Protein backbone atom coordinates (compact mmCIF):
# COMPACT_ATOMS: atom_id res chain seq x y z
CA MET A 1 35.80 -35.86 -147.36
CA GLU A 2 33.44 -34.59 -149.79
CA LEU A 3 30.12 -34.69 -148.79
CA LEU A 4 28.12 -37.20 -150.45
CA ARG A 5 24.67 -37.48 -150.73
CA LEU A 6 23.53 -41.31 -150.46
CA GLU A 7 22.04 -40.98 -154.22
CA GLU A 8 25.25 -39.86 -155.42
CA ALA A 9 27.28 -42.10 -153.64
CA ALA A 10 25.12 -44.93 -155.05
CA ALA A 11 24.95 -43.47 -158.40
CA ALA A 12 28.93 -43.47 -158.28
CA LEU A 13 29.12 -47.08 -156.99
CA ALA A 14 27.04 -48.25 -159.82
CA GLU A 15 28.99 -46.75 -162.77
CA GLY A 16 32.27 -47.77 -161.54
CA ARG A 17 33.63 -43.94 -160.38
CA THR A 18 34.06 -45.69 -156.55
CA THR A 19 34.05 -48.42 -154.51
CA SER A 20 32.26 -49.06 -150.81
CA ARG A 21 36.05 -49.66 -149.72
CA ALA A 22 37.34 -46.23 -151.10
CA LEU A 23 33.84 -44.46 -149.39
CA THR A 24 34.75 -46.35 -145.99
CA GLU A 25 38.05 -45.59 -146.38
CA ALA A 26 37.34 -42.00 -146.51
CA CYS A 27 34.90 -42.36 -143.10
CA LEU A 28 37.41 -43.81 -141.63
CA ALA A 29 39.93 -41.25 -142.07
CA GLU A 30 37.67 -38.71 -140.93
CA ILE A 31 36.99 -40.62 -138.25
CA GLU A 32 40.55 -41.49 -137.31
CA LYS A 33 41.76 -37.43 -137.67
CA PRO A 34 43.81 -36.93 -134.39
CA ASP A 35 42.51 -33.30 -133.99
CA GLY A 36 38.73 -34.25 -135.02
CA GLU A 37 35.85 -35.64 -133.23
CA GLY A 38 35.86 -39.20 -134.19
CA LYS A 39 36.94 -40.41 -130.78
CA ARG A 40 34.12 -39.04 -129.34
CA ALA A 41 31.49 -38.82 -132.06
CA PHE A 42 32.29 -42.72 -131.88
CA ILE A 43 31.92 -45.14 -128.91
CA THR A 44 32.83 -47.98 -130.39
CA LEU A 45 34.43 -47.88 -134.29
CA ASP A 46 34.23 -51.36 -135.97
CA ARG A 47 37.43 -50.43 -138.37
CA GLU A 48 38.32 -54.13 -139.30
CA GLY A 49 34.37 -55.24 -139.67
CA ALA A 50 33.38 -52.22 -142.08
CA LEU A 51 36.31 -53.07 -144.40
CA ALA A 52 35.04 -56.36 -144.13
CA GLN A 53 31.83 -55.42 -145.32
CA ALA A 54 32.64 -52.90 -147.90
CA ALA A 55 34.71 -55.84 -149.15
CA ALA A 56 31.71 -57.92 -149.73
CA MET A 57 29.73 -55.67 -151.25
CA ASP A 58 31.98 -54.76 -154.08
CA GLY A 59 32.64 -58.37 -154.36
CA LEU A 60 28.79 -58.69 -154.84
CA ARG A 61 28.64 -55.52 -157.21
CA ALA A 62 31.30 -56.95 -158.94
CA VAL A 63 29.33 -59.90 -160.25
CA GLY A 64 25.71 -57.50 -160.45
CA ALA A 65 24.73 -59.08 -157.05
CA ALA A 66 24.42 -56.16 -155.07
CA PRO A 67 21.45 -56.40 -152.78
CA SER A 68 20.15 -52.86 -153.33
CA PRO A 69 21.45 -49.60 -154.56
CA TRP A 70 22.73 -48.36 -151.43
CA ALA A 71 24.84 -51.29 -150.73
CA GLY A 72 28.37 -50.56 -149.59
CA ILE A 73 27.36 -47.00 -148.26
CA PRO A 74 28.70 -46.57 -144.82
CA ILE A 75 26.84 -45.02 -142.21
CA ALA A 76 26.74 -44.84 -138.52
CA VAL A 77 24.39 -46.16 -135.71
CA LYS A 78 23.62 -45.21 -132.51
CA ASP A 79 24.77 -47.41 -129.46
CA LEU A 80 21.37 -47.66 -128.43
CA PHE A 81 20.96 -50.29 -131.00
CA ASP A 82 21.84 -54.21 -130.71
CA LEU A 83 24.14 -55.20 -133.36
CA LYS A 84 25.36 -59.11 -133.28
CA GLY A 85 27.98 -59.57 -131.31
CA GLN A 86 28.54 -56.53 -129.87
CA VAL A 87 27.50 -54.74 -126.44
CA THR A 88 24.90 -52.21 -126.64
CA THR A 89 25.99 -50.03 -123.75
CA ALA A 90 23.40 -46.82 -124.44
CA GLY A 91 26.19 -44.72 -123.47
CA SER A 92 26.42 -45.83 -120.60
CA ARG A 93 29.23 -47.35 -118.10
CA ALA A 94 26.49 -49.29 -116.76
CA LEU A 95 25.87 -51.23 -119.66
CA ALA A 96 29.19 -51.93 -120.37
CA ASP A 97 29.57 -55.50 -118.56
CA GLN A 98 26.32 -56.98 -120.18
CA PRO A 99 26.19 -59.73 -122.56
CA ALA A 100 27.00 -58.96 -126.30
CA ALA A 101 24.08 -58.91 -128.62
CA ALA A 102 22.72 -62.60 -129.60
CA ASP A 103 21.17 -60.58 -133.11
CA ASP A 104 20.66 -57.71 -134.74
CA ALA A 105 18.20 -55.37 -133.66
CA PRO A 106 15.07 -55.97 -136.58
CA ALA A 107 15.33 -52.33 -138.09
CA MET A 108 19.40 -52.40 -138.13
CA ALA A 109 19.18 -56.05 -139.81
CA ARG A 110 17.11 -54.50 -142.60
CA LEU A 111 20.35 -52.07 -142.99
CA ARG A 112 22.43 -55.06 -143.19
CA GLN A 113 20.09 -56.58 -145.77
CA ALA A 114 20.40 -53.63 -147.95
CA GLY A 115 24.20 -54.02 -148.00
CA LEU A 116 24.71 -50.99 -145.81
CA VAL A 117 28.24 -50.91 -144.11
CA LEU A 118 28.02 -49.99 -140.57
CA LEU A 119 30.69 -48.23 -139.20
CA GLY A 120 30.80 -48.10 -135.91
CA ARG A 121 28.42 -47.17 -132.61
CA ASN A 122 27.79 -43.20 -132.03
CA ASN A 123 28.40 -41.80 -128.75
CA MET A 124 24.57 -40.53 -127.23
CA THR A 125 23.46 -38.85 -123.94
CA GLU A 126 23.33 -41.88 -121.63
CA PHE A 127 20.37 -43.73 -121.92
CA ALA A 128 19.16 -40.88 -124.34
CA TYR A 129 17.71 -38.74 -121.73
CA SER A 130 18.62 -35.63 -122.83
CA GLY A 131 18.36 -33.29 -125.56
CA LEU A 132 21.87 -31.32 -124.97
CA GLY A 133 23.92 -34.43 -125.83
CA LEU A 134 26.59 -33.85 -122.84
CA ASN A 135 28.14 -37.85 -121.76
CA PRO A 136 30.21 -38.08 -118.70
CA HIS A 137 31.64 -41.59 -119.22
CA TYR A 138 32.74 -41.25 -123.23
CA GLY A 139 33.61 -37.23 -123.60
CA THR A 140 30.88 -34.94 -126.22
CA PRO A 141 31.66 -34.19 -129.41
CA LYS A 142 31.43 -30.81 -130.05
CA ASN A 143 29.09 -28.93 -132.35
CA PRO A 144 30.58 -28.20 -135.76
CA PHE A 145 29.67 -24.58 -135.15
CA ASP A 146 32.13 -22.23 -133.14
CA ARG A 147 34.53 -25.44 -131.80
CA ALA A 148 36.84 -22.65 -130.57
CA LEU A 149 34.15 -21.82 -128.06
CA GLY A 150 32.39 -25.09 -127.61
CA ARG A 151 28.98 -25.90 -128.06
CA VAL A 152 26.54 -28.86 -127.42
CA PRO A 153 25.58 -30.83 -130.52
CA GLY A 154 22.44 -31.86 -128.84
CA GLY A 155 21.32 -34.84 -128.27
CA SER A 156 20.51 -37.48 -127.44
CA SER A 157 21.39 -38.60 -130.90
CA SER A 158 24.79 -35.91 -130.53
CA GLY A 159 27.27 -38.36 -132.03
CA ALA A 160 25.32 -39.37 -135.27
CA ALA A 161 24.91 -35.67 -135.72
CA VAL A 162 28.30 -34.45 -135.40
CA ALA A 163 29.48 -37.65 -137.55
CA VAL A 164 26.98 -36.36 -140.71
CA ALA A 165 28.26 -33.07 -140.31
CA ASP A 166 31.92 -33.96 -140.22
CA GLY A 167 31.54 -36.06 -142.84
CA MET A 168 32.31 -39.11 -140.94
CA ALA A 169 29.42 -41.20 -142.06
CA LEU A 170 27.06 -40.56 -145.25
CA GLY A 171 23.97 -41.13 -143.11
CA ALA A 172 23.59 -42.40 -139.34
CA ILE A 173 20.50 -43.53 -137.36
CA GLY A 174 18.99 -42.13 -133.89
CA SER A 175 16.54 -42.43 -131.50
CA ASP A 176 13.67 -39.51 -130.99
CA THR A 177 11.55 -39.80 -128.09
CA SER A 178 11.28 -35.96 -127.73
CA GLY A 179 13.46 -35.11 -130.36
CA SER A 180 16.37 -36.74 -130.32
CA CYS A 181 16.77 -37.00 -134.07
CA ARG A 182 15.84 -33.70 -134.60
CA ILE A 183 17.42 -31.65 -131.92
CA PRO A 184 20.57 -32.51 -132.68
CA ALA A 185 20.25 -32.25 -136.57
CA ALA A 186 19.02 -28.80 -135.95
CA PHE A 187 21.69 -27.47 -133.55
CA CYS A 188 24.63 -29.39 -136.14
CA GLY A 189 23.17 -27.93 -139.31
CA ILE A 190 21.58 -31.12 -141.19
CA THR A 191 18.39 -32.52 -141.78
CA GLY A 192 16.77 -35.11 -138.74
CA PHE A 193 13.50 -37.02 -139.35
CA LYS A 194 11.42 -38.81 -136.75
CA PRO A 195 8.95 -41.31 -138.21
CA THR A 196 5.46 -42.33 -137.02
CA GLN A 197 6.46 -44.33 -134.22
CA ALA A 198 4.70 -47.64 -135.64
CA ARG A 199 6.64 -47.06 -138.81
CA VAL A 200 10.02 -48.65 -137.77
CA PRO A 201 9.94 -51.47 -135.57
CA LEU A 202 11.57 -50.85 -131.74
CA GLY A 203 12.64 -54.25 -131.18
CA GLY A 204 16.36 -54.73 -129.93
CA ALA A 205 16.63 -50.58 -128.88
CA ALA A 206 17.48 -50.00 -124.95
CA PRO A 207 14.19 -47.79 -124.52
CA LEU A 208 13.72 -44.79 -122.84
CA SER A 209 9.91 -44.59 -123.55
CA TYR A 210 7.47 -47.05 -124.68
CA SER A 211 5.25 -45.01 -125.77
CA LEU A 212 7.20 -42.02 -127.40
CA ASP A 213 10.40 -43.53 -128.89
CA SER A 214 11.01 -44.22 -132.39
CA ILE A 215 13.68 -44.50 -134.70
CA GLY A 216 14.90 -42.50 -137.61
CA PRO A 217 18.02 -41.42 -139.79
CA LEU A 218 20.08 -38.52 -139.89
CA ALA A 219 21.72 -37.12 -143.14
CA ARG A 220 22.80 -34.08 -145.28
CA SER A 221 19.48 -33.84 -147.03
CA VAL A 222 15.56 -34.89 -147.11
CA SER A 223 16.49 -37.43 -149.97
CA CYS A 224 18.75 -39.35 -147.99
CA CYS A 225 16.59 -39.28 -144.89
CA ALA A 226 13.84 -40.66 -147.00
CA ILE A 227 16.06 -43.51 -148.08
CA LEU A 228 17.35 -44.31 -145.05
CA ASP A 229 13.52 -44.66 -143.25
CA SER A 230 12.43 -46.97 -146.14
CA LEU A 231 15.20 -48.85 -145.35
CA LEU A 232 14.42 -48.97 -141.83
CA ALA A 233 10.73 -49.48 -142.50
CA GLY A 234 10.98 -52.44 -144.50
CA GLU A 235 9.26 -50.35 -147.48
CA ALA A 236 10.52 -50.41 -151.19
CA ARG A 237 11.65 -47.08 -152.29
CA VAL A 238 9.24 -45.23 -154.31
CA ALA A 239 10.35 -41.84 -156.35
CA ALA A 240 8.63 -38.87 -154.28
CA GLN A 241 6.42 -36.99 -156.40
CA ILE A 242 7.23 -33.52 -155.06
CA PRO A 243 4.22 -31.47 -155.38
CA PRO A 244 4.62 -27.13 -156.60
CA LEU A 245 5.62 -25.16 -153.50
CA GLY A 246 2.92 -23.08 -154.60
CA THR A 247 0.28 -25.61 -153.97
CA LEU A 248 1.29 -25.99 -150.49
CA ARG A 249 -1.00 -25.12 -147.54
CA LEU A 250 1.00 -24.80 -143.94
CA ALA A 251 -0.18 -23.85 -140.62
CA VAL A 252 2.45 -21.50 -138.73
CA LEU A 253 2.47 -22.53 -135.11
CA ARG A 254 1.94 -19.27 -133.46
CA ASN A 255 1.75 -20.25 -129.53
CA TYR A 256 3.39 -21.88 -127.11
CA VAL A 257 6.70 -23.11 -129.68
CA LEU A 258 7.34 -19.50 -130.26
CA GLU A 259 7.68 -18.18 -126.53
CA ASP A 260 11.65 -17.57 -125.01
CA MET A 261 13.38 -18.07 -128.83
CA ASP A 262 16.71 -16.48 -129.03
CA ALA A 263 17.05 -13.31 -131.29
CA VAL A 264 18.65 -15.44 -134.09
CA VAL A 265 16.49 -18.16 -134.23
CA SER A 266 13.60 -15.70 -134.49
CA ARG A 267 15.42 -14.05 -137.67
CA ALA A 268 15.76 -17.44 -139.50
CA PHE A 269 12.49 -18.63 -138.82
CA GLU A 270 10.77 -15.36 -139.77
CA THR A 271 12.62 -15.19 -143.21
CA ALA A 272 12.15 -18.80 -143.89
CA LEU A 273 8.66 -17.60 -143.38
CA GLN A 274 8.97 -14.92 -145.75
CA ARG A 275 10.59 -16.91 -148.25
CA LEU A 276 8.00 -19.40 -148.51
CA SER A 277 5.24 -16.91 -148.97
CA ALA A 278 7.08 -15.17 -151.70
CA ALA A 279 7.56 -18.15 -153.44
CA GLY A 280 3.72 -18.92 -153.57
CA ALA A 281 3.20 -21.45 -150.33
CA GLY A 282 0.15 -20.40 -148.17
CA LEU A 283 0.82 -19.82 -144.97
CA VAL A 284 -1.99 -19.80 -142.09
CA ASP A 285 -1.47 -18.47 -138.65
CA LEU A 286 -2.75 -21.26 -135.82
CA LYS A 287 -2.75 -21.68 -132.61
CA LEU A 288 -3.35 -25.07 -130.78
CA PRO A 289 -4.30 -23.96 -126.80
CA GLU A 290 -4.56 -27.71 -125.92
CA ILE A 291 -0.68 -27.81 -126.18
CA GLU A 292 0.05 -25.22 -123.22
CA GLU A 293 -1.30 -28.31 -121.02
CA LEU A 294 1.87 -30.09 -121.57
CA PRO A 295 4.00 -28.84 -118.73
CA ALA A 296 1.13 -29.83 -116.64
CA ILE A 297 0.62 -32.86 -118.05
CA ASN A 298 4.26 -34.02 -118.00
CA ALA A 299 4.46 -32.15 -114.11
CA LYS A 300 5.40 -35.25 -112.30
CA GLY A 301 7.78 -36.61 -115.61
CA GLY A 302 5.27 -37.87 -117.79
CA LEU A 303 5.86 -41.41 -119.82
CA ALA A 304 9.30 -40.68 -120.23
CA GLY A 305 9.56 -40.53 -116.59
CA ALA A 306 7.25 -43.84 -115.80
CA GLU A 307 8.17 -46.05 -118.46
CA SER A 308 12.29 -45.06 -118.07
CA TYR A 309 11.81 -45.90 -114.26
CA HIS A 310 10.03 -49.52 -114.97
CA TRP A 311 13.12 -50.25 -117.58
CA HIS A 312 15.68 -49.07 -115.22
CA ARG A 313 14.68 -50.69 -111.97
CA PRO A 314 17.17 -53.59 -111.83
CA HIS A 315 20.07 -51.96 -113.81
CA MET A 316 19.69 -49.03 -110.64
CA GLU A 317 19.59 -51.53 -108.36
CA ARG A 318 22.72 -53.38 -109.73
CA ALA A 319 25.13 -50.22 -110.91
CA GLY A 320 23.40 -46.82 -110.12
CA ASP A 321 26.38 -45.67 -109.11
CA LEU A 322 27.90 -45.95 -112.53
CA TYR A 323 24.91 -43.74 -113.86
CA ASP A 324 25.09 -40.14 -115.20
CA PRO A 325 23.60 -38.18 -111.83
CA ARG A 326 21.70 -35.87 -113.99
CA VAL A 327 20.67 -38.65 -115.80
CA LEU A 328 19.62 -41.07 -112.79
CA SER A 329 17.48 -38.12 -111.28
CA ARG A 330 15.29 -37.75 -114.01
CA ILE A 331 14.94 -41.24 -114.22
CA LYS A 332 14.24 -41.55 -110.57
CA ARG A 333 11.06 -39.17 -110.88
CA GLY A 334 9.52 -42.22 -112.20
CA ALA A 335 9.09 -43.57 -108.41
CA GLU A 336 6.93 -40.35 -107.90
CA GLN A 337 4.14 -41.47 -110.16
CA SER A 338 1.25 -43.71 -108.72
CA ALA A 339 -1.05 -45.72 -111.58
CA VAL A 340 -3.34 -43.32 -111.77
CA ASP A 341 -0.80 -40.39 -112.34
CA TYR A 342 0.00 -42.35 -114.99
CA LEU A 343 -2.75 -43.56 -116.68
CA ASP A 344 -3.99 -39.55 -116.17
CA VAL A 345 -1.23 -38.65 -119.06
CA LEU A 346 -2.04 -41.60 -121.20
CA ALA A 347 -5.87 -40.21 -121.35
CA ALA A 348 -4.19 -36.69 -121.77
CA ARG A 349 -2.16 -37.64 -124.98
CA ARG A 350 -5.22 -39.45 -126.55
CA ARG A 351 -7.10 -36.07 -126.10
CA LEU A 352 -4.73 -34.10 -127.73
CA ILE A 353 -3.99 -36.36 -130.12
CA ALA A 354 -7.43 -36.25 -131.40
CA SER A 355 -8.26 -32.28 -131.06
CA SER A 356 -4.93 -31.50 -133.02
CA ALA A 357 -5.69 -33.47 -135.63
CA ALA A 358 -9.12 -32.13 -135.83
CA LYS A 359 -7.49 -28.86 -136.40
CA THR A 360 -4.26 -29.70 -138.74
CA SER A 361 -6.01 -32.12 -141.01
CA GLY A 362 -6.65 -29.39 -143.52
CA PHE A 363 -2.87 -28.50 -143.50
CA ASP A 364 0.12 -30.08 -145.92
CA ALA A 365 1.98 -29.54 -142.55
CA VAL A 366 2.64 -27.21 -139.58
CA VAL A 367 5.92 -25.30 -139.24
CA TYR A 368 7.56 -24.14 -136.30
CA PRO A 369 11.23 -23.69 -135.32
CA THR A 370 13.10 -26.65 -134.25
CA VAL A 371 14.53 -25.38 -131.23
CA PRO A 372 13.74 -22.28 -130.08
CA ILE A 373 17.28 -21.46 -129.08
CA VAL A 374 20.89 -21.88 -130.67
CA ALA A 375 23.37 -24.33 -129.19
CA PRO A 376 24.32 -23.62 -125.61
CA THR A 377 27.84 -23.60 -124.71
CA PHE A 378 29.48 -26.26 -122.46
CA ASP A 379 29.56 -23.72 -120.23
CA ALA A 380 26.20 -22.37 -120.07
CA LEU A 381 25.46 -26.08 -118.27
CA LYS A 382 28.02 -26.11 -115.78
CA GLU A 383 25.57 -25.82 -112.85
CA ASP A 384 22.61 -28.16 -112.49
CA ALA A 385 19.60 -25.83 -112.73
CA ASP A 386 20.83 -24.29 -115.40
CA TYR A 387 21.53 -27.48 -117.30
CA TYR A 388 17.88 -29.03 -115.93
CA ARG A 389 16.28 -25.74 -117.34
CA ILE A 390 17.79 -25.12 -120.60
CA ASN A 391 17.42 -28.95 -121.48
CA LEU A 392 13.73 -28.57 -120.74
CA LEU A 393 13.38 -25.58 -123.24
CA VAL A 394 15.31 -27.48 -125.73
CA LEU A 395 12.93 -30.38 -125.49
CA ARG A 396 9.83 -28.32 -125.63
CA ASN A 397 9.03 -27.79 -129.27
CA SER A 398 10.12 -30.88 -130.70
CA LEU A 399 8.28 -33.38 -128.30
CA LEU A 400 5.05 -32.26 -129.74
CA GLY A 401 6.32 -34.61 -132.72
CA ASN A 402 6.03 -37.92 -130.09
CA PHE A 403 3.15 -36.77 -127.69
CA LEU A 404 0.90 -36.36 -130.47
CA ASP A 405 2.41 -39.64 -132.75
CA ARG A 406 3.19 -37.92 -135.95
CA CYS A 407 6.32 -37.95 -137.95
CA ALA A 408 8.34 -34.72 -138.38
CA ILE A 409 11.21 -33.46 -139.85
CA SER A 410 13.98 -30.57 -138.99
CA LEU A 411 15.66 -28.77 -142.05
CA PRO A 412 18.39 -26.63 -141.43
CA LEU A 413 18.00 -23.27 -141.91
CA ALA A 414 20.06 -20.10 -142.87
CA SER A 415 20.91 -17.72 -140.15
CA GLU A 416 23.24 -14.99 -138.95
CA GLY A 417 25.02 -17.24 -136.45
CA ALA A 418 24.73 -20.64 -135.33
CA PRO A 419 22.67 -23.49 -137.20
CA VAL A 420 18.78 -23.23 -136.85
CA GLY A 421 16.26 -25.77 -137.71
CA LEU A 422 12.67 -25.77 -139.31
CA THR A 423 10.00 -28.11 -138.26
CA LEU A 424 7.95 -29.41 -140.52
CA LEU A 425 4.98 -31.59 -138.47
CA GLY A 426 2.98 -33.98 -140.89
CA GLU A 427 0.23 -35.92 -139.82
CA ARG A 428 -0.20 -39.56 -137.84
CA GLY A 429 0.96 -42.21 -140.63
CA GLY A 430 1.81 -39.52 -143.27
CA ASP A 431 5.35 -40.10 -143.52
CA ALA A 432 5.84 -40.69 -147.29
CA ALA A 433 3.59 -37.29 -147.57
CA LEU A 434 5.53 -35.47 -145.34
CA LEU A 435 8.96 -36.47 -146.90
CA ALA A 436 7.83 -35.19 -150.43
CA LYS A 437 6.50 -31.55 -149.08
CA ALA A 438 10.13 -31.52 -147.41
CA ALA A 439 12.08 -31.98 -150.26
CA VAL A 440 10.16 -28.90 -152.12
CA ILE A 441 10.92 -26.99 -149.42
CA GLU A 442 14.58 -28.09 -148.58
CA GLY A 443 14.80 -26.90 -152.09
CA LEU A 444 13.50 -23.34 -151.56
CA LEU A 445 15.23 -22.60 -147.89
CA ALA A 446 18.76 -24.14 -149.54
CA GLN A 447 18.75 -21.30 -152.22
């Protein structure tokens, strides 16, 4: 189907050039293509429910009662969030026998209140615990790039990214604990946004890390992400004041995030910097020595290890044999941490948040590659040792946004090979400002 941006779809609906049913049927057709990735990008497809929602929105729009300009736009939702009457499996067989949700998660309720059509539940890494996107229970959707060879989609919001990239939905909602919106966006050539954690309520979402989890959108553009973010946050949509590119002062992070970078990412990143500089943006090289402490800080599994173990203990006792062994082994590492270990990580986090903020406060954003490598092939991950090594490398750069509790967005870059993402890291609570700056940078990079 034609890949409409949310503003384009809203305008077409308002002007009567399309209907919610037409948009929804087009998405369903893409999802249900026999040779497509829909059966792997979605764990559950709510065909009848989506069509009923679309019909309701068309009816309301016909009498001038559409609940928002975005009413009737079809999107997808990661299988991590409660939707009333549906079982939240979080990509696992271990939760398949749990009761259906009594209510929508608060963030999902906001989407419904705005009239968005929820197509179904996207596939994901089990319990959101990997940046690669593999799921042995429900299959793994293939990255849109190089499908004949077979590359991973990135995780944990794997199905969300593939659904958007393939036109199965006009946007999707994911979670992001160490990059789970931004990594698959970078790997699949779309845009992914991670808000400051407190911006979107986490209730009704199966947790990975209480300290690091956040909820954000994956979509075709910055403006699409900004629209979905405003709905998730329960804020009125305000037209962004796009700053002139020549007024931006960007810090180019030159330590830690550039290690072990492959040639395709390196060339795309440096080309992007050259274009930004030529367009008048002020680029300043920056080093943050403190972030090099992160491997040592998280050596025992970090916040995600301890906090996931806390939540999963009863489920592991009941159905641990149904877990993906690679996910289960990471969760069990949380048992190795003492209370002192956990408190040490929290203290280190507070220290790094304060020290890095002092060094970056004078910049409009910090820029670096979202992931230092392009999407690996499935074959490269067959051995456990390779899987764990590559997973840590894929997660490394994007974890910064979560550990420092900042907003961050990944923009697609032109490259000579597989898709590459550029991260803009904003300040804590500076979400609207970051999205406005990302919009002007997106325009340059898309040329």
